[in-house]
Each structure stands twice: as C-alpha cells, then as structure tokens.
C-alpha cells in the first residue's frame, strides 16, 4: 500500500508562510519522483514543484516555494513563502515511477503520476 499523507494546510494571510508535509515511505522516496500539485477552485490540477537532480518549480512559485525531503523521517516538504491569493487551492503530494519520469516531466506532462495523496486545503485570505 502506497502511503502519501499530506498535512500542514490551513488559512494564511497574504504575505505569510506555510509548510506542507507529505509523509511517505522509504520505498517511495527511493523509487519514485515526489512532487506537489495544486488545484485551484474551478481549475485544473497543476504541478508546482517536483523533486529531482534539478528540482522543478512552476514559474508562478519560483523563488517563493522550496521543496525538500528528509530521508530519516521519510518526509517531503513544501515551504511556501510570500503567499498570495493565487496560491489558494488543494495541494496534493504525488509519486511517479523514477525510471519513467523526472522532476520536470512529472510536474508538466500528463500521465506521469502513479499515486496521489488525499490533498490538503490551503487558503490565502485576509
């Protein structure tokens, strides 16, 4: 059973920060590309950051968001700074098989994700 469990969502004011966490397993961290996707209200799910030899960041979050992993805790994080209303949405942790994808493909191309977490809501509002 694949474990991808997000936490850390909530309400944050514009300009504020939030850190999302994705709890997973050593097997997933070793054999899968892990990424964060966002689905804004009424919008499509988009890849915003994916781990790799060169981490991928969507243009809309570049310089504000940072993806990282903790091997000891089997965790993947998304640190979000300088947040704005366009960051509002449901954030999903996802995993794609490492030998068929990479960080950029995982985040930008359809059909790269093998497993999804249940999502966590992030709302940026004053």
Foldseek 3Di string as FASTA:
>chain_A
DWAWAKDWADEAAAQAKTKMKTATDLVQVVFWKKFKWWAAVVGDIATAWIDAPDIDGDPVQPPFWDWDADNVRRMIMIIGGNDDQVRWGWMKMFIFGPVVDGNVCCGHPPPRTDDIYPTDGHGYHD
